[in-house]
C-alpha atoms as a PDB file:
ATOM      1  CA  MET A   1       0.064  -0.263  -0.229  1.00  0.00           C
ATOM      2  CA  PRO A   2       1.399   3.555  -0.650  1.00  0.00           C
ATOM      3  CA  LYS A   3       2.092   5.564   2.023  1.00  0.00           C
ATOM      4  CA  SER A   4       0.029   8.474   2.407  1.00  0.00           C
ATOM      5  CA  PRO A   5       0.629  11.963   1.319  1.00  0.00           C
ATOM      6  CA  LEU A   6      -0.949  13.416   4.577  1.00  0.00           C
ATOM      7  CA  LYS A   7      -1.072  12.633   8.189  1.00  0.00           C
ATOM      8  CA  ILE A   8      -4.436  13.665  10.081  1.00  0.00           C
ATOM      9  CA  GLN A   9      -4.104  14.157  13.856  1.00  0.00           C
ATOM     10  CA  LYS A  10      -6.940  14.962  16.445  1.00  0.00           C
ATOM     11  CA  CYS A  11      -5.898  16.446  19.527  1.00  0.00           C
ATOM     12  CA  GLY A  12      -9.087  18.001  21.622  1.00  0.00           C
ATOM     13  CA  TYR A  13     -11.353  20.273  19.233  1.00  0.00           C
ATOM     14  CA  VAL A  14      -7.724  20.799  16.742  1.00  0.00           C
ATOM     15  CA  LEU A  15      -7.426  18.897  13.671  1.00  0.00           C
ATOM     16  CA  ARG A  16      -4.177  18.841  11.985  1.00  0.00           C
ATOM     17  CA  ILE A  17      -3.301  18.567   8.621  1.00  0.00           C
ATOM     18  CA  ILE A  18       0.375  17.568   8.404  1.00  0.00           C
ATOM     19  CA  PHE A  19       1.624  17.619   4.666  1.00  0.00           C
ATOM     20  CA  ASP A  20       4.069  14.280   4.631  1.00  0.00           C
ATOM     21  CA  ARG A  21       5.976  14.660   1.052  1.00  0.00           C
ATOM     22  CA  ALA A  22       8.939  16.041   2.496  1.00  0.00           C
ATOM     23  CA  ALA A  23      11.553  14.189   0.907  1.00  0.00           C
ATOM     24  CA  LYS A  24       9.798  16.054  -2.557  1.00  0.00           C
ATOM     25  CA  GLY A  25       9.193  19.614  -0.989  1.00  0.00           C
ATOM     26  CA  ASN A  26       6.146  18.131  -0.308  1.00  0.00           C
ATOM     27  CA  ILE A  27       4.747  19.232  -3.793  1.00  0.00           C
ATOM     28  CA  ILE A  28       1.412  18.275  -4.335  1.00  0.00           C
ATOM     29  CA  ASP A  29       0.373  14.800  -6.747  1.00  0.00           C
ATOM     30  CA  SER A  30      -3.216  14.090  -7.652  1.00  0.00           C
ATOM     31  CA  ALA A  31      -3.643  11.896  -4.366  1.00  0.00           C
ATOM     32  CA  MET A  32      -2.164  14.289  -2.066  1.00  0.00           C
ATOM     33  CA  ALA A  33      -5.222  16.331  -4.001  1.00  0.00           C
ATOM     34  CA  ARG A  34      -7.798  13.961  -3.677  1.00  0.00           C
ATOM     35  CA  GLU A  35      -7.157  13.317   0.074  1.00  0.00           C
ATOM     36  CA  LEU A  36      -6.680  17.045   1.279  1.00  0.00           C
ATOM     37  CA  LYS A  37      -9.995  17.322  -0.519  1.00  0.00           C
ATOM     38  CA  ASP A  38     -11.581  14.663   0.920  1.00  0.00           C
ATOM     39  CA  THR A  39     -10.648  15.598   4.392  1.00  0.00           C
ATOM     40  CA  CYS A  40     -11.795  19.232   3.928  1.00  0.00           C
ATOM     41  CA  LEU A  41     -15.409  17.881   2.827  1.00  0.00           C
ATOM     42  CA  GLY A  42     -15.523  15.997   6.308  1.00  0.00           C
ATOM     43  CA  VAL A  43     -14.535  18.897   8.338  1.00  0.00           C
ATOM     44  CA  ASN A  44     -17.876  21.123   8.523  1.00  0.00           C
ATOM     45  CA  SER A  45     -19.971  17.868   9.277  1.00  0.00           C
ATOM     46  CA  ASP A  46     -17.612  17.241  12.741  1.00  0.00           C
ATOM     47  CA  GLU A  47     -18.616  18.630  15.751  1.00  0.00           C
ATOM     48  CA  ASN A  48     -15.592  17.841  17.604  1.00  0.00           C
ATOM     49  CA  VAL A  49     -13.669  20.102  15.274  1.00  0.00           C
ATOM     50  CA  ARG A  50     -13.253  23.420  15.619  1.00  0.00           C
ATOM     51  CA  VAL A  51     -10.431  24.217  14.346  1.00  0.00           C
ATOM     52  CA  VAL A  52      -8.258  23.421  11.387  1.00  0.00           C
ATOM     53  CA  LEU A  53      -4.197  23.519  11.770  1.00  0.00           C
ATOM     54  CA  ILE A  54      -2.637  22.951   8.311  1.00  0.00           C
ATOM     55  CA  THR A  55       1.586  22.089   8.478  1.00  0.00           C
ATOM     56  CA  ALA A  56       4.030  20.248   6.502  1.00  0.00           C
ATOM     57  CA  ASN A  57       6.959  17.830   7.927  1.00  0.00           C
ATOM     58  CA  GLY A  58      10.485  18.866   6.301  1.00  0.00           C
ATOM     59  CA  LYS A  59      12.507  22.050   5.436  1.00  0.00           C
ATOM     60  CA  ASP A  60       9.700  23.388   2.668  1.00  0.00           C
ATOM     61  CA  PHE A  61       5.806  24.071   3.571  1.00  0.00           C
ATOM     62  CA  CYS A  62       5.205  23.088  -0.136  1.00  0.00           C
ATOM     63  CA  ILE A  63       6.999  23.439  -3.508  1.00  0.00           C
ATOM     64  CA  GLY A  64       3.967  23.362  -5.615  1.00  0.00           C
ATOM     65  CA  SER A  65       2.723  20.968  -7.814  1.00  0.00           C
ATOM     66  CA  GLU A  66       3.528  18.004 -10.745  1.00  0.00           C
ATOM     67  CA  PHE A  67       1.160  19.947 -12.849  1.00  0.00           C
ATOM     68  CA  GLU A  68       3.303  23.315 -12.283  1.00  0.00           C
ATOM     69  CA  GLN A  69       6.261  21.140 -12.404  1.00  0.00           C
ATOM     70  CA  PHE A  70       5.846  18.625 -15.205  1.00  0.00           C
ATOM     71  CA  THR A  71       2.957  19.458 -17.819  1.00  0.00           C
ATOM     72  CA  PRO A  72       1.461  16.087 -17.410  1.00  0.00           C
ATOM     73  CA  ASP A  73      -1.616  15.523 -19.810  1.00  0.00           C
ATOM     74  CA  GLN A  74      -3.873  15.264 -16.727  1.00  0.00           C
ATOM     75  CA  ASP A  75      -7.027  17.247 -16.118  1.00  0.00           C
ATOM     76  CA  ILE A  76      -6.019  20.098 -13.965  1.00  0.00           C
ATOM     77  CA  ASN A  77      -9.056  19.580 -11.436  1.00  0.00           C
ATOM     78  CA  HIS A  78      -7.352  16.715 -10.311  1.00  0.00           C
ATOM     79  CA  TYR A  79      -4.904  19.196  -8.548  1.00  0.00           C
ATOM     80  CA  GLN A  80      -6.681  21.932  -7.419  1.00  0.00           C
ATOM     81  CA  VAL A  81      -8.089  21.733  -3.538  1.00  0.00           C
ATOM     82  CA  ALA A  82      -7.605  25.746  -2.327  1.00  0.00           C
ATOM     83  CA  SER A  83     -11.199  26.265  -2.586  1.00  0.00           C
ATOM     84  CA  ALA A  84     -11.826  23.148  -0.602  1.00  0.00           C
ATOM     85  CA  ILE A  85      -9.605  24.879   2.359  1.00  0.00           C
ATOM     86  CA  GLY A  86     -11.554  28.115   1.869  1.00  0.00           C
ATOM     87  CA  ASN A  87     -14.814  26.404   1.889  1.00  0.00           C
ATOM     88  CA  ILE A  88     -13.820  24.904   5.589  1.00  0.00           C
ATOM     89  CA  GLU A  89     -16.313  26.766   8.182  1.00  0.00           C
ATOM     90  CA  LYS A  90     -14.506  26.911  10.865  1.00  0.00           C
ATOM     91  CA  PRO A  91     -10.862  28.893  11.085  1.00  0.00           C
ATOM     92  CA  VAL A  92      -8.379  27.410   9.516  1.00  0.00           C
ATOM     93  CA  ILE A  93      -4.563  28.231  10.337  1.00  0.00           C
ATOM     94  CA  VAL A  94      -1.382  27.367   8.487  1.00  0.00           C
ATOM     95  CA  ALA A  95       2.325  27.468   9.879  1.00  0.00           C
ATOM     96  CA  ILE A  96       4.446  27.687   6.636  1.00  0.00           C
ATOM     97  CA  GLN A  97       8.369  27.227   6.725  1.00  0.00           C
ATOM     98  CA  GLY A  98      11.055  27.408   3.974  1.00  0.00           C
ATOM     99  CA  LYS A  99       9.531  27.233   0.372  1.00  0.00           C
ATOM    100  CA  CYS A 100       5.946  28.059  -0.005  1.00  0.00           C
ATOM    101  CA  LEU A 101       5.673  28.132  -3.772  1.00  0.00           C
ATOM    102  CA  GLY A 102       3.092  28.113  -6.828  1.00  0.00           C
ATOM    103  CA  GLN A 103       0.077  25.904  -5.641  1.00  0.00           C
ATOM    104  CA  GLY A 104       1.765  25.718  -2.010  1.00  0.00           C
ATOM    105  CA  LEU A 105       1.267  29.226  -1.582  1.00  0.00           C
ATOM    106  CA  GLU A 106      -2.411  29.168  -3.032  1.00  0.00           C
ATOM    107  CA  LEU A 107      -3.299  26.567  -0.225  1.00  0.00           C
ATOM    108  CA  ALA A 108      -1.585  28.811   2.171  1.00  0.00           C
ATOM    109  CA  LEU A 109      -3.848  32.040   1.069  1.00  0.00           C
ATOM    110  CA  ALA A 110      -6.795  29.750   1.111  1.00  0.00           C
ATOM    111  CA  CYS A 111      -6.606  29.839   4.953  1.00  0.00           C
ATOM    112  CA  ASP A 112      -7.903  32.451   7.564  1.00  0.00           C
ATOM    113  CA  ILE A 113      -4.568  32.808   9.185  1.00  0.00           C
ATOM    114  CA  ARG A 114      -0.790  32.374   8.622  1.00  0.00           C
ATOM    115  CA  LEU A 115       2.226  32.073  10.385  1.00  0.00           C
ATOM    116  CA  ALA A 116       5.034  31.967   8.891  1.00  0.00           C
ATOM    117  CA  ALA A 117       9.177  30.946  10.418  1.00  0.00           C
ATOM    118  CA  ALA A 118      11.557  33.431   9.327  1.00  0.00           C
ATOM    119  CA  ASN A 119      13.357  31.369   6.847  1.00  0.00           C
ATOM    120  CA  ALA A 120       9.716  31.360   4.613  1.00  0.00           C
ATOM    121  CA  GLN A 121      10.194  32.239   1.171  1.00  0.00           C
ATOM    122  CA  PHE A 122       6.836  32.850  -0.954  1.00  0.00           C
ATOM    123  CA  GLY A 123       6.114  33.299  -4.653  1.00  0.00           C
ATOM    124  CA  PHE A 124       4.412  32.423  -7.903  1.00  0.00           C
ATOM    125  CA  PRO A 125       7.421  31.243  -9.918  1.00  0.00           C
ATOM    126  CA  GLY A 126       5.004  29.752 -12.746  1.00  0.00           C
ATOM    127  CA  ILE A 127       4.938  32.718 -14.938  1.00  0.00           C
ATOM    128  CA  ALA A 128       8.900  31.542 -16.499  1.00  0.00           C
ATOM    129  CA  ARG A 129       7.766  28.677 -17.027  1.00  0.00           C
ATOM    130  CA  GLY A 130       4.445  30.227 -19.118  1.00  0.00           C
ATOM    131  CA  PHE A 131       2.335  28.824 -15.941  1.00  0.00           C
ATOM    132  CA  ILE A 132      -0.800  31.304 -13.940  1.00  0.00           C
ATOM    133  CA  PRO A 133      -1.718  30.362 -10.966  1.00  0.00           C
ATOM    134  CA  ALA A 134      -4.806  28.159 -11.470  1.00  0.00           C
ATOM    135  CA  ASP A 135      -5.936  27.145  -8.181  1.00  0.00           C
ATOM    136  CA  GLY A 136      -7.208  30.681  -6.722  1.00  0.00           C
ATOM    137  CA  GLY A 137      -4.251  32.415  -6.674  1.00  0.00           C
ATOM    138  CA  THR A 138      -5.075  35.778  -9.175  1.00  0.00           C
ATOM    139  CA  GLN A 139      -8.066  35.970  -6.626  1.00  0.00           C
ATOM    140  CA  ARG A 140      -7.086  35.723  -3.497  1.00  0.00           C
ATOM    141  CA  LEU A 141      -3.632  37.186  -3.169  1.00  0.00           C
ATOM    142  CA  PRO A 142      -4.978  40.605  -4.446  1.00  0.00           C
ATOM    143  CA  ARG A 143      -7.423  40.347  -1.549  1.00  0.00           C
ATOM    144  CA  ILE A 144      -4.830  39.980   0.944  1.00  0.00           C
ATOM    145  CA  ILE A 145      -2.249  42.309  -0.081  1.00  0.00           C
ATOM    146  CA  GLY A 146      -3.324  44.396  -2.874  1.00  0.00           C
ATOM    147  CA  LYS A 147      -3.669  44.222  -6.749  1.00  0.00           C
ATOM    148  CA  GLY A 148      -0.604  46.425  -7.505  1.00  0.00           C
ATOM    149  CA  LYS A 149       2.006  44.098  -5.668  1.00  0.00           C
ATOM    150  CA  ALA A 150       0.454  40.985  -6.457  1.00  0.00           C
ATOM    151  CA  LEU A 151       0.557  42.077  -9.985  1.00  0.00           C
ATOM    152  CA  GLU A 152       3.965  42.411  -9.689  1.00  0.00           C
ATOM    153  CA  MET A 153       4.753  38.812  -7.637  1.00  0.00           C
ATOM    154  CA  ILE A 154       3.043  37.530 -10.028  1.00  0.00           C
ATOM    155  CA  LEU A 155       3.901  38.802 -13.069  1.00  0.00           C
ATOM    156  CA  THR A 156       8.089  38.788 -12.146  1.00  0.00           C
ATOM    157  CA  ALA A 157       8.160  35.983 -10.717  1.00  0.00           C
ATOM    158  CA  ILE A 158       9.976  37.335  -7.422  1.00  0.00           C
ATOM    159  CA  ILE A 159      10.511  35.649  -4.016  1.00  0.00           C
ATOM    160  CA  LEU A 160       9.465  37.240  -1.082  1.00  0.00           C
ATOM    161  CA  ASP A 161      10.907  36.407   2.450  1.00  0.00           C
ATOM    162  CA  ALA A 162       8.833  36.681   5.342  1.00  0.00           C
ATOM    163  CA  GLY A 163       9.291  39.674   6.567  1.00  0.00           C
ATOM    164  CA  GLU A 164       8.539  41.439   3.389  1.00  0.00           C
ATOM    165  CA  ALA A 165       5.413  39.116   3.627  1.00  0.00           C
ATOM    166  CA  GLU A 166       4.620  40.438   7.080  1.00  0.00           C
ATOM    167  CA  VAL A 167       4.822  43.640   5.998  1.00  0.00           C
ATOM    168  CA  LEU A 168       2.223  43.507   2.905  1.00  0.00           C
ATOM    169  CA  GLY A 169      -0.388  41.404   5.681  1.00  0.00           C
ATOM    170  CA  MET A 170       0.103  37.935   3.294  1.00  0.00           C
ATOM    171  CA  VAL A 171       1.214  36.789   6.991  1.00  0.00           C
ATOM    172  CA  SER A 172       0.218  37.820  10.054  1.00  0.00           C
ATOM    173  CA  LYS A 173       3.488  36.572  12.328  1.00  0.00           C
ATOM    174  CA  VAL A 174       7.384  35.703  11.608  1.00  0.00           C
ATOM    175  CA  CYS A 175       7.978  33.557  14.578  1.00  0.00           C
ATOM    176  CA  GLU A 176      11.605  31.503  14.831  1.00  0.00           C
ATOM    177  CA  VAL A 177      12.107  28.204  12.765  1.00  0.00           C
ATOM    178  CA  SER A 178      12.210  26.414  16.146  1.00  0.00           C
ATOM    179  CA  SER A 179       9.380  28.028  17.948  1.00  0.00           C
ATOM    180  CA  LEU A 180       7.037  28.002  14.447  1.00  0.00           C
ATOM    181  CA  ALA A 181       4.892  24.912  15.309  1.00  0.00           C
ATOM    182  CA  GLY A 182       4.300  25.451  18.860  1.00  0.00           C
ATOM    183  CA  GLU A 183       3.215  28.879  18.557  1.00  0.00           C
ATOM    184  CA  ALA A 184       0.546  28.048  15.749  1.00  0.00           C
ATOM    185  CA  GLU A 185      -0.688  25.010  17.661  1.00  0.00           C
ATOM    186  CA  GLN A 186      -0.888  27.522  20.738  1.00  0.00           C
ATOM    187  CA  LEU A 187      -2.790  29.807  19.062  1.00  0.00           C
ATOM    188  CA  ALA A 188      -5.217  27.103  17.562  1.00  0.00           C
ATOM    189  CA  ILE A 189      -5.909  26.144  21.070  1.00  0.00           C
ATOM    190  CA  VAL A 190      -6.839  28.975  21.878  1.00  0.00           C
ATOM    191  CA  MET A 191      -9.594  29.853  19.637  1.00  0.00           C
ATOM    192  CA  ALA A 192     -10.471  26.162  20.211  1.00  0.00           C
ATOM    193  CA  LYS A 193     -11.680  26.976  23.618  1.00  0.00           C
ATOM    194  CA  LYS A 194     -14.100  29.648  22.669  1.00  0.00           C
ATOM    195  CA  ALA A 195     -17.469  29.074  20.867  1.00  0.00           C
ATOM    196  CA  PRO A 196     -17.847  27.227  17.851  1.00  0.00           C
ATOM    197  CA  VAL A 197     -20.726  28.774  16.199  1.00  0.00           C
ATOM    198  CA  ALA A 198     -19.627  32.025  17.422  1.00  0.00           C
ATOM    199  CA  LEU A 199     -16.172  31.046  15.612  1.00  0.00           C
ATOM    200  CA  ARG A 200     -18.093  30.220  12.556  1.00  0.00           C
ATOM    201  CA  TYR A 201     -20.295  33.510  12.367  1.00  0.00           C
ATOM    202  CA  VAL A 202     -17.091  35.953  12.449  1.00  0.00           C
ATOM    203  CA  LYS A 203     -15.468  33.956   9.694  1.00  0.00           C
ATOM    204  CA  GLU A 204     -18.621  34.043   7.839  1.00  0.00           C
ATOM    205  CA  ALA A 205     -19.193  37.791   8.277  1.00  0.00           C
ATOM    206  CA  VAL A 206     -15.487  38.910   7.492  1.00  0.00           C
ATOM    207  CA  ASN A 207     -15.267  36.692   4.394  1.00  0.00           C
ATOM    208  CA  LYS A 208     -19.016  37.525   2.775  1.00  0.00           C
ATOM    209  CA  GLY A 209     -18.029  40.750   4.098  1.00  0.00           C
ATOM    210  CA  LEU A 210     -15.438  41.505   2.011  1.00  0.00           C
ATOM    211  CA  ASP A 211     -17.963  40.973  -1.778  1.00  0.00           C
ATOM    212  CA  LEU A 212     -20.448  43.335   0.238  1.00  0.00           C
ATOM    213  CA  THR A 213     -20.898  47.036  -0.015  1.00  0.00           C
ATOM    214  CA  GLN A 214     -20.606  47.883   4.052  1.00  0.00           C
ATOM    215  CA  GLU A 215     -24.146  48.759   4.097  1.00  0.00           C
ATOM    216  CA  GLN A 216     -24.910  44.906   3.394  1.00  0.00           C
ATOM    217  CA  GLY A 217     -21.903  43.722   5.241  1.00  0.00           C
ATOM    218  CA  LEU A 218     -23.428  45.452   8.579  1.00  0.00           C
ATOM    219  CA  ARG A 219     -26.551  44.071   8.149  1.00  0.00           C
ATOM    220  CA  LEU A 220     -24.970  40.335   7.321  1.00  0.00           C
ATOM    221  CA  GLU A 221     -22.598  40.737  10.964  1.00  0.00           C
ATOM    222  CA  ALA A 222     -26.405  42.085  12.806  1.00  0.00           C
ATOM    223  CA  ASP A 223     -28.224  38.607  10.977  1.00  0.00           C
ATOM    224  CA  LEU A 224     -25.447  36.526  12.639  1.00  0.00           C
ATOM    225  CA  TYR A 225     -25.038  38.855  16.180  1.00  0.00           C
ATOM    226  CA  PHE A 226     -29.026  37.732  16.382  1.00  0.00           C
ATOM    227  CA  LEU A 227     -28.857  34.154  15.449  1.00  0.00           C
ATOM    228  CA  LEU A 228     -26.270  33.720  18.394  1.00  0.00           C
ATOM    229  CA  HIS A 229     -28.811  34.713  21.063  1.00  0.00           C
ATOM    230  CA  THR A 230     -30.821  32.131  19.600  1.00  0.00           C
ATOM    231  CA  THR A 231     -28.010  29.612  20.790  1.00  0.00           C
ATOM    232  CA  ALA A 232     -27.144  27.719  24.179  1.00  0.00           C
ATOM    233  CA  ASP A 233     -23.383  28.768  23.706  1.00  0.00           C
ATOM    234  CA  ARG A 234     -24.780  32.676  24.274  1.00  0.00           C
ATOM    235  CA  THR A 235     -26.611  31.588  27.224  1.00  0.00           C
ATOM    236  CA  GLU A 236     -23.830  29.751  28.891  1.00  0.00           C
ATOM    237  CA  GLY A 237     -21.076  32.491  27.779  1.00  0.00           C
ATOM    238  CA  ILE A 238     -23.690  34.691  29.733  1.00  0.00           C
ATOM    239  CA  ASN A 239     -23.900  32.481  32.476  1.00  0.00           C
ATOM    240  CA  ALA A 240     -20.016  32.033  33.227  1.00  0.00           C
ATOM    241  CA  PHE A 241     -19.174  35.373  32.727  1.00  0.00           C
ATOM    242  CA  LEU A 242     -21.859  36.253  35.680  1.00  0.00           C
ATOM    243  CA  GLU A 243     -20.479  33.078  37.520  1.00  0.00           C
ATOM    244  CA  LYS A 244     -17.328  34.024  36.762  1.00  0.00           C
ATOM    245  CA  ARG A 245     -16.012  30.669  35.606  1.00  0.00           C
ATOM    246  CA  THR A 246     -14.845  29.014  32.495  1.00  0.00           C
ATOM    247  CA  PRO A 247     -17.354  28.630  29.933  1.00  0.00           C
ATOM    248  CA  GLU A 248     -18.159  25.208  28.647  1.00  0.00           C
ATOM    249  CA  PHE A 249     -19.457  25.461  24.874  1.00  0.00           C
ATOM    250  CA  ASN A 250     -20.561  22.880  23.076  1.00  0.00           C
ATOM    251  CA  GLY A 251     -21.337  24.235  19.718  1.00  0.00           C
ATOM    252  CA  LYS A 252     -25.082  24.162  19.914  1.00  0.00           C
END
């Protein structure tokens, strides 16, 4: 039986998805893409998962995909997977070390919060070989760092270091290489302790609001806020505050 390209671990309410093709730079092949899609599809229906943490074994997070590297005669849909990550309703954190290139960067851009090691590198080198991003890079990158810089990155194939990525807002924090895993894990644990319905609603309000007018976004926020009043978690949060104890949320 071939070795799985992913390791899936659940610790408490945190689901860890670990890229495990370190010897090949965690390059995405069709098998890895398929398994990652299947894993993402199951997250929304799993009440025991509140936060997803994506990491990678080895020195590089992901150097791209086999489609980019070797242009096989296969349907590119076999490799596209960023939207599966983007469609996860729960918060998704990614910890990035070493090279994060091509489709690897596209997967990272589909996550909600990106932490980077000080040695991380980001870029879309495909234009030099006649490729353009094909897994959401042309759409997600400008929404995160702005149109001008996104076009410059893609059209010139420049590689950004972690510090430059942080300045542009591509990553929220740069960590020492040795502390990246621990800091990402701790962030996931902190989030997982919060009310799961509220976590999902915050993500929905922010993500959907970006494609709405401010007035429409404010209405969406208000609707979600009032929906929270119908949940048991909301009542538990209030009671815990009044009783000066830690709330015990159950996602209902």
